[in-house]
């Protein structure tokens, strides 16, 4: 009786190892497929700049200094459907601005974000979208800055597995104006 129990134990162990091996292989293939789909979709989203300007305003978050505040308006047109498969629960889209100044070699600011859930409309056609978050520089590095690069990126939130972060392949560069926009008085 103990020999039969031992053989059944070995068969069960072999079966479990086989299942874990096969499911591990499938998870790897799914993750690779997901990354591959996401990379194919890099070419799908497009976004256009509608307008941009900068102001030099008081920054009340730190010492009493003036800082540049950028205003960016943009359009986004994207078909996100190819990114969604059985393992994608949601996408976290975000638009970042990257630039350099005299005081900082690299500045990165998130301007806008959106969560797209499974079942939501995956075709975005947004017009004249304003920045969701303030585009503050810690000095006066926005005025006349010739190379501010906008990038649309996303995180794939899967039902199971790793959380891949994908940076869009398309970048839009812009130059901020030489002069500040004057404040409106009401």
N, C-alpha and C. Protein backbone atom coordinates (compact mmCIF):
# COMPACT_ATOMS: atom_id res chain seq x y z
N UNK A 1 0.81 -1.18 0.00
CA UNK A 1 0.00 0.00 0.00
C UNK A 1 0.86 1.25 0.00
N UNK A 2 1.97 1.26 0.74
CA UNK A 2 2.84 2.43 0.80
C UNK A 2 3.55 2.64 -0.54
N UNK A 3 3.85 1.57 -1.27
CA UNK A 3 4.48 1.71 -2.59
C UNK A 3 3.51 2.38 -3.56
N UNK A 4 2.25 2.02 -3.50
CA UNK A 4 1.24 2.63 -4.36
C UNK A 4 1.08 4.12 -4.02
N UNK A 5 1.08 4.45 -2.74
CA UNK A 5 0.99 5.86 -2.33
C UNK A 5 2.20 6.63 -2.81
N UNK A 6 3.38 6.03 -2.74
CA UNK A 6 4.61 6.68 -3.20
C UNK A 6 4.56 6.92 -4.71
N UNK A 7 4.09 5.94 -5.47
CA UNK A 7 3.99 6.08 -6.93
C UNK A 7 2.96 7.17 -7.28
N UNK A 8 1.83 7.18 -6.58
CA UNK A 8 0.83 8.23 -6.81
C UNK A 8 1.40 9.61 -6.47
N UNK A 9 2.19 9.68 -5.38
CA UNK A 9 2.82 10.93 -5.02
C UNK A 9 3.78 11.40 -6.11
N UNK A 10 4.58 10.48 -6.66
CA UNK A 10 5.51 10.84 -7.74
C UNK A 10 4.75 11.29 -8.99
N UNK A 11 3.66 10.59 -9.32
CA UNK A 11 2.86 10.99 -10.47
C UNK A 11 2.24 12.37 -10.27
N UNK A 12 1.74 12.62 -9.07
CA UNK A 12 1.17 13.92 -8.77
C UNK A 12 2.24 15.01 -8.84
N UNK A 13 3.41 14.74 -8.30
CA UNK A 13 4.52 15.69 -8.36
C UNK A 13 4.92 15.95 -9.80
N UNK A 14 5.04 14.89 -10.60
CA UNK A 14 5.37 15.03 -12.02
C UNK A 14 4.31 15.86 -12.73
N UNK A 15 3.04 15.58 -12.45
CA UNK A 15 1.94 16.32 -13.08
C UNK A 15 1.99 17.80 -12.70
N UNK A 16 2.20 18.10 -11.41
CA UNK A 16 2.28 19.50 -10.97
C UNK A 16 3.47 20.22 -11.59
N UNK A 17 4.62 19.55 -11.62
CA UNK A 17 5.79 20.17 -12.25
C UNK A 17 5.54 20.43 -13.73
N UNK A 18 4.90 19.49 -14.39
CA UNK A 18 4.58 19.67 -15.81
C UNK A 18 3.63 20.85 -16.00
N UNK A 19 2.60 20.94 -15.17
CA UNK A 19 1.64 22.05 -15.25
C UNK A 19 2.35 23.38 -15.02
N UNK A 20 3.19 23.44 -13.96
CA UNK A 20 3.90 24.69 -13.69
C UNK A 20 4.85 25.03 -14.83
N UNK A 21 5.50 24.03 -15.39
CA UNK A 21 6.41 24.29 -16.51
C UNK A 21 5.64 24.81 -17.72
N UNK A 22 4.54 24.15 -18.05
CA UNK A 22 3.76 24.57 -19.22
C UNK A 22 3.14 25.94 -18.98
N UNK A 23 2.54 26.14 -17.80
CA UNK A 23 1.93 27.45 -17.55
C UNK A 23 2.99 28.53 -17.46
N UNK A 24 4.15 28.21 -16.91
CA UNK A 24 5.24 29.19 -16.90
C UNK A 24 5.68 29.53 -18.31
N UNK A 25 5.72 28.53 -19.17
CA UNK A 25 6.08 28.77 -20.57
C UNK A 25 5.02 29.63 -21.24
N UNK A 26 3.76 29.34 -20.95
CA UNK A 26 2.68 30.15 -21.53
C UNK A 26 2.73 31.58 -21.03
N UNK A 27 3.01 31.76 -19.74
CA UNK A 27 3.09 33.12 -19.21
C UNK A 27 4.22 33.87 -19.90
N UNK A 28 5.34 33.20 -20.10
CA UNK A 28 6.45 33.86 -20.79
C UNK A 28 6.05 34.23 -22.20
N UNK A 29 5.39 33.31 -22.90
CA UNK A 29 4.97 33.62 -24.26
C UNK A 29 3.93 34.73 -24.28
N UNK A 30 3.02 34.72 -23.32
CA UNK A 30 2.01 35.77 -23.27
C UNK A 30 2.67 37.11 -22.99
N UNK A 31 3.62 37.13 -22.05
CA UNK A 31 4.31 38.38 -21.76
C UNK A 31 5.06 38.87 -22.98
N UNK A 32 5.73 37.98 -23.69
CA UNK A 32 6.43 38.39 -24.90
C UNK A 32 5.44 38.87 -25.94
N UNK A 33 4.33 38.17 -26.06
CA UNK A 33 3.32 38.57 -27.04
C UNK A 33 2.74 39.93 -26.67
N UNK A 34 2.51 40.14 -25.39
CA UNK A 34 1.97 41.41 -24.93
C UNK A 34 2.95 42.54 -25.25
N UNK A 35 4.21 42.32 -24.96
CA UNK A 35 5.22 43.33 -25.27
C UNK A 35 5.29 43.55 -26.76
N UNK A 36 5.21 42.45 -27.53
CA UNK A 36 5.26 42.58 -28.98
C UNK A 36 4.06 43.38 -29.49
N UNK A 37 2.87 43.07 -28.96
CA UNK A 37 1.69 43.82 -29.38
C UNK A 37 1.83 45.29 -29.00
N UNK A 38 2.33 45.53 -27.80
CA UNK A 38 2.49 46.91 -27.37
C UNK A 38 3.48 47.64 -28.26
N UNK A 39 4.54 46.97 -28.65
CA UNK A 39 5.52 47.63 -29.51
C UNK A 39 4.94 47.88 -30.89
N UNK A 40 4.09 46.96 -31.39
CA UNK A 40 3.43 47.23 -32.67
C UNK A 40 2.52 48.44 -32.54
N UNK A 41 1.89 48.57 -31.39
CA UNK A 41 0.95 49.66 -31.20
C UNK A 41 1.65 51.00 -30.98
N UNK A 42 2.97 50.97 -30.84
CA UNK A 42 3.69 52.23 -30.66
C UNK A 42 3.43 53.18 -31.82
N UNK A 43 3.19 52.64 -32.97
CA UNK A 43 3.01 53.48 -34.14
C UNK A 43 1.57 53.95 -34.29
N UNK A 44 0.66 53.42 -33.50
CA UNK A 44 -0.75 53.77 -33.66
C UNK A 44 -1.11 55.13 -33.07
N UNK A 45 -0.75 55.44 -31.81
CA UNK A 45 -1.17 56.72 -31.27
C UNK A 45 -0.46 57.88 -31.96
N UNK A 46 -1.19 58.93 -32.22
CA UNK A 46 -0.57 60.14 -32.73
C UNK A 46 -1.13 61.31 -31.95
N UNK A 47 -0.34 62.31 -31.79
CA UNK A 47 -0.80 63.48 -31.07
C UNK A 47 -0.19 64.71 -31.71
N UNK A 48 -0.95 65.77 -31.72
CA UNK A 48 -0.55 67.02 -32.35
C UNK A 48 -0.61 68.13 -31.32
N UNK A 49 0.29 69.07 -31.44
CA UNK A 49 0.27 70.23 -30.56
C UNK A 49 -0.63 71.29 -31.15
N UNK A 50 -1.56 71.77 -30.37
CA UNK A 50 -2.44 72.83 -30.84
C UNK A 50 -1.85 74.19 -30.54
N UNK A 51 -1.41 74.38 -29.30
CA UNK A 51 -0.81 75.66 -28.93
C UNK A 51 0.03 75.47 -27.68
N UNK A 52 0.92 76.41 -27.46
CA UNK A 52 1.74 76.40 -26.26
C UNK A 52 2.22 77.81 -25.99
N UNK A 53 2.39 78.12 -24.71
CA UNK A 53 2.88 79.43 -24.30
C UNK A 53 3.47 79.30 -22.91
N UNK A 54 4.14 80.33 -22.45
CA UNK A 54 4.71 80.31 -21.10
C UNK A 54 4.48 81.64 -20.42
N UNK A 55 4.41 81.58 -19.10
CA UNK A 55 4.28 82.77 -18.27
C UNK A 55 5.33 82.67 -17.18
N UNK A 56 5.77 83.81 -16.69
CA UNK A 56 6.68 83.84 -15.55
C UNK A 56 5.85 84.29 -14.36
N UNK A 57 5.58 83.37 -13.46
CA UNK A 57 4.66 83.63 -12.36
C UNK A 57 5.33 83.36 -11.03
N UNK A 58 4.73 83.88 -9.96
CA UNK A 58 5.24 83.62 -8.62
C UNK A 58 5.01 82.15 -8.29
N UNK A 59 6.03 81.51 -7.74
CA UNK A 59 5.93 80.13 -7.30
C UNK A 59 5.83 80.14 -5.79
N UNK A 60 4.66 79.82 -5.27
CA UNK A 60 4.43 79.89 -3.84
C UNK A 60 4.77 78.58 -3.13
N UNK A 61 5.29 77.60 -3.85
CA UNK A 61 5.60 76.31 -3.23
C UNK A 61 6.96 76.30 -2.58
N UNK A 62 7.83 77.23 -2.91
CA UNK A 62 9.18 77.25 -2.37
C UNK A 62 9.56 78.65 -1.96
N UNK A 63 10.86 78.94 -2.01
CA UNK A 63 11.30 80.31 -1.71
C UNK A 63 10.64 81.29 -2.67
N UNK A 64 10.56 82.54 -2.27
CA UNK A 64 9.88 83.55 -3.09
C UNK A 64 10.69 83.85 -4.34
N UNK A 65 10.51 83.04 -5.33
CA UNK A 65 11.15 83.24 -6.62
C UNK A 65 10.08 83.15 -7.69
N UNK A 66 10.43 83.64 -8.85
CA UNK A 66 9.52 83.51 -9.99
C UNK A 66 9.96 82.30 -10.80
N UNK A 67 8.97 81.57 -11.32
CA UNK A 67 9.25 80.38 -12.11
C UNK A 67 8.42 80.42 -13.39
N UNK A 68 8.88 79.69 -14.39
CA UNK A 68 8.13 79.60 -15.64
C UNK A 68 7.01 78.57 -15.49
N UNK A 69 5.87 78.94 -16.03
CA UNK A 69 4.72 78.05 -16.07
C UNK A 69 4.32 77.90 -17.52
N UNK A 70 4.39 76.68 -18.04
CA UNK A 70 4.08 76.42 -19.44
C UNK A 70 2.64 75.98 -19.62
N UNK A 71 2.05 76.40 -20.72
CA UNK A 71 0.70 76.00 -21.07
C UNK A 71 0.76 75.29 -22.41
N UNK A 72 0.30 74.05 -22.45
CA UNK A 72 0.33 73.25 -23.67
C UNK A 72 -1.08 72.74 -23.94
N UNK A 73 -1.53 72.90 -25.18
CA UNK A 73 -2.80 72.34 -25.63
C UNK A 73 -2.48 71.39 -26.77
N UNK A 74 -3.10 70.21 -26.76
CA UNK A 74 -2.73 69.19 -27.75
C UNK A 74 -3.95 68.39 -28.17
N UNK A 75 -3.81 67.66 -29.27
CA UNK A 75 -4.81 66.72 -29.77
C UNK A 75 -4.21 65.32 -29.67
N UNK A 76 -5.02 64.35 -29.32
CA UNK A 76 -4.57 62.95 -29.32
C UNK A 76 -5.58 62.13 -30.12
N UNK A 77 -5.06 61.37 -31.07
CA UNK A 77 -5.86 60.44 -31.85
C UNK A 77 -5.18 59.09 -31.76
N UNK A 78 -5.86 58.09 -31.21
CA UNK A 78 -5.22 56.80 -31.00
C UNK A 78 -6.24 55.67 -31.05
N UNK A 79 -5.82 54.54 -31.62
CA UNK A 79 -6.59 53.30 -31.57
C UNK A 79 -5.81 52.35 -30.67
N UNK A 80 -6.28 52.16 -29.46
CA UNK A 80 -5.57 51.35 -28.48
C UNK A 80 -6.03 49.90 -28.48
N UNK A 81 -6.96 49.54 -29.33
CA UNK A 81 -7.52 48.18 -29.36
C UNK A 81 -6.45 47.10 -29.54
N UNK A 82 -5.44 47.27 -30.41
CA UNK A 82 -4.44 46.20 -30.58
C UNK A 82 -3.65 45.89 -29.31
N UNK A 83 -3.62 46.80 -28.36
CA UNK A 83 -2.88 46.54 -27.12
C UNK A 83 -3.68 45.61 -26.21
N UNK A 84 -5.00 45.68 -26.27
CA UNK A 84 -5.83 44.87 -25.38
C UNK A 84 -5.93 43.44 -25.89
N UNK A 85 -5.58 42.50 -25.03
CA UNK A 85 -5.85 41.09 -25.27
C UNK A 85 -6.44 40.52 -23.98
N UNK A 86 -6.53 39.22 -23.86
CA UNK A 86 -7.21 38.61 -22.73
C UNK A 86 -6.55 38.96 -21.39
N UNK A 87 -5.27 39.31 -21.39
CA UNK A 87 -4.57 39.54 -20.13
C UNK A 87 -4.43 41.03 -19.79
N UNK A 88 -4.98 41.92 -20.56
CA UNK A 88 -4.85 43.35 -20.26
C UNK A 88 -6.10 43.83 -19.53
N UNK A 89 -5.90 44.28 -18.32
CA UNK A 89 -7.00 44.79 -17.49
C UNK A 89 -7.26 46.26 -17.79
N UNK A 90 -6.19 47.05 -17.89
CA UNK A 90 -6.32 48.48 -18.16
C UNK A 90 -5.01 49.04 -18.65
N UNK A 91 -5.09 50.22 -19.24
CA UNK A 91 -3.91 50.97 -19.68
C UNK A 91 -3.87 52.28 -18.91
N UNK A 92 -2.67 52.67 -18.54
CA UNK A 92 -2.46 53.98 -17.93
C UNK A 92 -1.64 54.79 -18.92
N UNK A 93 -2.30 55.72 -19.62
CA UNK A 93 -1.65 56.58 -20.62
C UNK A 93 -1.16 57.84 -19.95
N UNK A 94 0.02 58.33 -20.38
CA UNK A 94 0.49 59.60 -19.86
C UNK A 94 1.39 60.30 -20.88
N UNK A 95 1.26 61.62 -20.92
CA UNK A 95 2.04 62.46 -21.82
C UNK A 95 3.08 63.20 -20.98
N UNK A 96 4.35 63.04 -21.34
CA UNK A 96 5.42 63.69 -20.60
C UNK A 96 6.15 64.70 -21.47
N UNK A 97 6.69 65.70 -20.82
CA UNK A 97 7.56 66.68 -21.47
C UNK A 97 8.96 66.49 -20.90
N UNK A 98 9.94 66.44 -21.78
CA UNK A 98 11.33 66.25 -21.37
C UNK A 98 12.16 67.37 -21.99
N UNK A 99 12.99 68.00 -21.18
CA UNK A 99 13.80 69.11 -21.68
C UNK A 99 15.00 69.30 -20.76
N UNK A 100 15.96 70.08 -21.22
CA UNK A 100 17.12 70.39 -20.40
C UNK A 100 17.23 71.90 -20.23
N UNK A 101 17.82 72.30 -19.11
CA UNK A 101 18.05 73.71 -18.82
C UNK A 101 19.49 73.88 -18.35
N UNK A 102 19.88 75.12 -18.07
CA UNK A 102 21.24 75.36 -17.58
C UNK A 102 21.46 74.72 -16.22
N UNK A 103 20.43 74.71 -15.39
CA UNK A 103 20.59 74.17 -14.04
C UNK A 103 20.35 72.66 -13.95
N UNK A 104 19.63 72.08 -14.91
CA UNK A 104 19.33 70.64 -14.87
C UNK A 104 19.52 70.03 -16.25
N UNK A 105 20.30 68.97 -16.31
CA UNK A 105 20.53 68.30 -17.59
C UNK A 105 19.26 67.61 -18.10
N UNK A 106 18.43 67.14 -17.18
CA UNK A 106 17.21 66.44 -17.59
C UNK A 106 16.06 66.85 -16.68
N UNK A 107 14.99 67.32 -17.29
CA UNK A 107 13.74 67.64 -16.60
C UNK A 107 12.65 66.80 -17.25
N UNK A 108 11.82 66.16 -16.44
CA UNK A 108 10.69 65.39 -16.95
C UNK A 108 9.45 65.79 -16.17
N UNK A 109 8.39 66.12 -16.90
CA UNK A 109 7.15 66.57 -16.28
C UNK A 109 6.00 65.81 -16.93
N UNK A 110 5.12 65.23 -16.12
CA UNK A 110 3.90 64.61 -16.64
C UNK A 110 2.88 65.72 -16.82
N UNK A 111 2.36 65.84 -18.04
CA UNK A 111 1.40 66.89 -18.36
C UNK A 111 -0.05 66.41 -18.31
N UNK A 112 -0.27 65.15 -18.66
CA UNK A 112 -1.64 64.64 -18.81
C UNK A 112 -1.60 63.14 -18.61
N UNK A 113 -2.69 62.57 -18.08
CA UNK A 113 -2.81 61.11 -17.99
C UNK A 113 -4.26 60.70 -18.10
N UNK A 114 -4.45 59.43 -18.37
CA UNK A 114 -5.80 58.87 -18.46
C UNK A 114 -5.71 57.35 -18.27
N UNK A 115 -6.71 56.80 -17.59
CA UNK A 115 -6.83 55.35 -17.43
C UNK A 115 -7.89 54.87 -18.42
N UNK A 116 -7.54 53.86 -19.21
CA UNK A 116 -8.47 53.25 -20.16
C UNK A 116 -8.70 51.81 -19.69
N UNK A 117 -9.91 51.52 -19.25
CA UNK A 117 -10.25 50.19 -18.75
C UNK A 117 -10.70 49.28 -19.88
N UNK A 118 -10.56 47.98 -19.65
CA UNK A 118 -11.10 47.00 -20.60
C UNK A 118 -12.60 47.26 -20.72
N UNK A 119 -13.08 47.30 -21.94
CA UNK A 119 -14.48 47.58 -22.18
C UNK A 119 -14.77 49.04 -22.46
N UNK A 120 -13.84 49.93 -22.12
CA UNK A 120 -14.01 51.35 -22.47
C UNK A 120 -13.79 51.52 -23.96
N UNK A 121 -14.15 52.67 -24.46
CA UNK A 121 -13.87 53.00 -25.85
C UNK A 121 -12.36 53.12 -26.02
N UNK A 122 -11.78 52.28 -26.86
CA UNK A 122 -10.33 52.27 -27.03
C UNK A 122 -9.87 53.17 -28.16
N UNK A 123 -10.79 53.82 -28.81
CA UNK A 123 -10.42 54.78 -29.86
C UNK A 123 -10.55 56.18 -29.29
N UNK A 124 -9.41 56.82 -29.10
CA UNK A 124 -9.39 58.17 -28.55
C UNK A 124 -9.30 59.17 -29.69
N UNK A 125 -10.10 60.20 -29.60
CA UNK A 125 -10.04 61.30 -30.55
C UNK A 125 -10.30 62.58 -29.75
N UNK A 126 -9.26 63.05 -29.07
CA UNK A 126 -9.37 64.18 -28.16
C UNK A 126 -8.84 65.43 -28.85
N UNK A 127 -9.59 66.50 -28.75
CA UNK A 127 -9.21 67.77 -29.40
C UNK A 127 -9.03 68.86 -28.35
N UNK A 128 -8.04 69.69 -28.57
CA UNK A 128 -7.75 70.85 -27.72
C UNK A 128 -7.72 70.49 -26.23
N UNK A 129 -6.95 69.46 -25.89
CA UNK A 129 -6.82 69.03 -24.51
C UNK A 129 -5.78 69.92 -23.83
N UNK A 130 -6.15 70.45 -22.67
CA UNK A 130 -5.21 71.27 -21.90
C UNK A 130 -4.45 70.36 -20.94
N UNK A 131 -3.28 70.80 -20.55
CA UNK A 131 -2.48 70.04 -19.58
C UNK A 131 -3.30 69.80 -18.33
N UNK A 132 -3.26 68.59 -17.82
CA UNK A 132 -3.99 68.24 -16.61
C UNK A 132 -3.21 68.71 -15.37
N UNK A 133 -1.90 68.73 -15.49
CA UNK A 133 -1.03 69.10 -14.38
C UNK A 133 -0.21 70.34 -14.76
N UNK A 134 0.21 71.10 -13.75
CA UNK A 134 1.00 72.30 -13.99
C UNK A 134 2.34 71.94 -14.62
N UNK A 135 2.75 72.72 -15.58
CA UNK A 135 4.03 72.55 -16.25
C UNK A 135 4.97 73.64 -15.72
N UNK A 136 5.40 73.46 -14.46
CA UNK A 136 6.29 74.42 -13.82
C UNK A 136 7.74 74.02 -14.06
N UNK A 137 8.57 75.01 -14.32
CA UNK A 137 10.02 74.82 -14.31
C UNK A 137 10.52 75.44 -13.01
N UNK A 138 11.62 74.94 -12.47
CA UNK A 138 12.13 75.48 -11.21
C UNK A 138 13.01 76.72 -11.43
N UNK A 139 12.72 77.46 -12.45
CA UNK A 139 13.45 78.69 -12.76
C UNK A 139 12.81 79.31 -13.99
N UNK A 140 13.64 79.73 -14.91
CA UNK A 140 13.12 80.32 -16.15
C UNK A 140 13.61 79.52 -17.35
N UNK A 141 13.50 78.21 -17.27
CA UNK A 141 14.02 77.34 -18.32
C UNK A 141 13.06 77.04 -19.46
N UNK A 142 11.82 77.52 -19.38
CA UNK A 142 10.87 77.24 -20.46
C UNK A 142 10.91 78.30 -21.55
N UNK A 143 11.06 79.57 -21.15
CA UNK A 143 11.05 80.64 -22.14
C UNK A 143 12.21 80.45 -23.11
N UNK A 144 11.88 80.45 -24.39
CA UNK A 144 12.85 80.32 -25.49
C UNK A 144 13.57 78.97 -25.49
N UNK A 145 13.05 77.99 -24.78
CA UNK A 145 13.65 76.65 -24.83
C UNK A 145 13.28 76.03 -26.17
N UNK A 146 14.29 75.63 -26.94
CA UNK A 146 14.07 75.19 -28.32
C UNK A 146 13.79 73.69 -28.45
N UNK A 147 14.00 72.94 -27.38
CA UNK A 147 13.87 71.49 -27.54
C UNK A 147 13.14 70.87 -26.35
N UNK A 148 11.84 71.02 -26.33
CA UNK A 148 11.00 70.34 -25.34
C UNK A 148 10.31 69.20 -26.08
N UNK A 149 10.57 67.99 -25.64
CA UNK A 149 10.08 66.80 -26.34
C UNK A 149 8.90 66.20 -25.59
N UNK A 150 7.79 66.03 -26.29
CA UNK A 150 6.60 65.40 -25.72
C UNK A 150 6.55 63.94 -26.16
N UNK A 151 6.25 63.05 -25.22
CA UNK A 151 6.18 61.62 -25.51
C UNK A 151 4.93 61.04 -24.87
N UNK A 152 4.18 60.27 -25.64
CA UNK A 152 3.02 59.56 -25.11
C UNK A 152 3.47 58.15 -24.74
N UNK A 153 3.29 57.79 -23.47
CA UNK A 153 3.71 56.47 -22.97
C UNK A 153 2.53 55.82 -22.27
N UNK A 154 2.67 54.53 -21.96
CA UNK A 154 1.61 53.85 -21.23
C UNK A 154 2.17 52.68 -20.46
N UNK A 155 1.47 52.37 -19.37
CA UNK A 155 1.72 51.17 -18.59
C UNK A 155 0.57 50.22 -18.85
N UNK A 156 0.89 48.97 -19.11
CA UNK A 156 -0.11 47.93 -19.29
C UNK A 156 -0.32 47.28 -17.92
N UNK A 157 -1.55 47.32 -17.44
CA UNK A 157 -1.89 46.67 -16.18
C UNK A 157 -2.55 45.35 -16.53
N UNK A 158 -1.82 44.22 -16.35
CA UNK A 158 -2.38 42.93 -16.75
C UNK A 158 -3.25 42.32 -15.66
N UNK A 159 -4.01 41.32 -16.04
CA UNK A 159 -4.73 40.53 -15.04
C UNK A 159 -3.74 39.71 -14.23
N UNK A 160 -2.68 39.23 -14.87
CA UNK A 160 -1.62 38.48 -14.20
C UNK A 160 -0.32 38.72 -14.94
N UNK A 161 0.77 38.77 -14.20
CA UNK A 161 2.07 38.91 -14.85
C UNK A 161 2.73 40.25 -14.58
N UNK A 162 3.75 40.53 -15.37
CA UNK A 162 4.56 41.73 -15.17
C UNK A 162 3.82 42.98 -15.65
N UNK A 163 4.27 44.13 -15.19
CA UNK A 163 3.69 45.42 -15.57
C UNK A 163 4.63 46.10 -16.56
N UNK A 164 4.45 45.87 -17.85
CA UNK A 164 5.36 46.52 -18.80
C UNK A 164 5.04 48.00 -18.97
N UNK A 165 6.09 48.80 -19.04
CA UNK A 165 5.97 50.23 -19.31
C UNK A 165 6.47 50.47 -20.72
N UNK A 166 5.64 51.06 -21.57
CA UNK A 166 5.99 51.22 -22.98
C UNK A 166 6.04 52.70 -23.30
N UNK A 167 7.14 53.12 -23.90
CA UNK A 167 7.27 54.50 -24.33
C UNK A 167 6.95 54.55 -25.81
N UNK A 168 6.10 55.46 -26.19
CA UNK A 168 5.74 55.60 -27.59
C UNK A 168 6.95 55.94 -28.44
N UNK A 169 6.94 55.49 -29.68
CA UNK A 169 8.08 55.75 -30.55
C UNK A 169 8.01 57.14 -31.16
N UNK A 170 6.83 57.71 -31.23
CA UNK A 170 6.71 59.04 -31.81
C UNK A 170 6.93 60.11 -30.76
N UNK A 171 7.78 61.05 -31.07
CA UNK A 171 8.03 62.17 -30.18
C UNK A 171 7.71 63.45 -30.94
N UNK A 172 7.20 64.43 -30.24
CA UNK A 172 6.95 65.75 -30.81
C UNK A 172 7.82 66.74 -30.08
N UNK A 173 8.61 67.49 -30.82
CA UNK A 173 9.44 68.52 -30.21
C UNK A 173 8.83 69.88 -30.48
N UNK A 174 8.99 70.75 -29.53
CA UNK A 174 8.45 72.09 -29.68
C UNK A 174 9.43 73.09 -29.10
N UNK A 175 9.28 74.33 -29.50
CA UNK A 175 10.07 75.42 -28.96
C UNK A 175 9.11 76.41 -28.32
N UNK A 176 9.40 76.78 -27.08
CA UNK A 176 8.56 77.76 -26.42
C UNK A 176 8.90 79.15 -26.95
N UNK A 177 7.94 80.07 -26.92
CA UNK A 177 8.17 81.42 -27.44
C UNK A 177 9.26 82.17 -26.68
N UNK A 178 9.81 83.18 -27.34
CA UNK A 178 10.86 84.01 -26.75
C UNK A 178 10.32 84.93 -25.66
N UNK A 179 9.05 85.27 -25.74
CA UNK A 179 8.46 86.22 -24.79
C UNK A 179 7.40 85.53 -23.95
N UNK A 180 7.16 86.10 -22.80
CA UNK A 180 6.12 85.59 -21.92
C UNK A 180 4.76 86.10 -22.36
N UNK A 181 3.75 85.30 -22.14
CA UNK A 181 2.38 85.74 -22.37
C UNK A 181 2.00 86.64 -21.20
N UNK A 182 1.31 87.70 -21.49
CA UNK A 182 0.91 88.61 -20.41
C UNK A 182 -0.29 88.06 -19.68
N UNK A 183 -0.34 88.35 -18.40
CA UNK A 183 -1.45 87.87 -17.58
C UNK A 183 -2.73 88.61 -17.93
N UNK A 184 -3.83 87.88 -17.90
CA UNK A 184 -5.13 88.50 -18.17
C UNK A 184 -5.64 89.14 -16.89
N UNK A 185 -6.26 90.27 -17.04
CA UNK A 185 -6.88 90.90 -15.87
C UNK A 185 -8.39 90.84 -16.04
N UNK A 186 -9.07 90.47 -15.00
CA UNK A 186 -10.52 90.32 -15.07
C UNK A 186 -11.21 91.41 -14.29
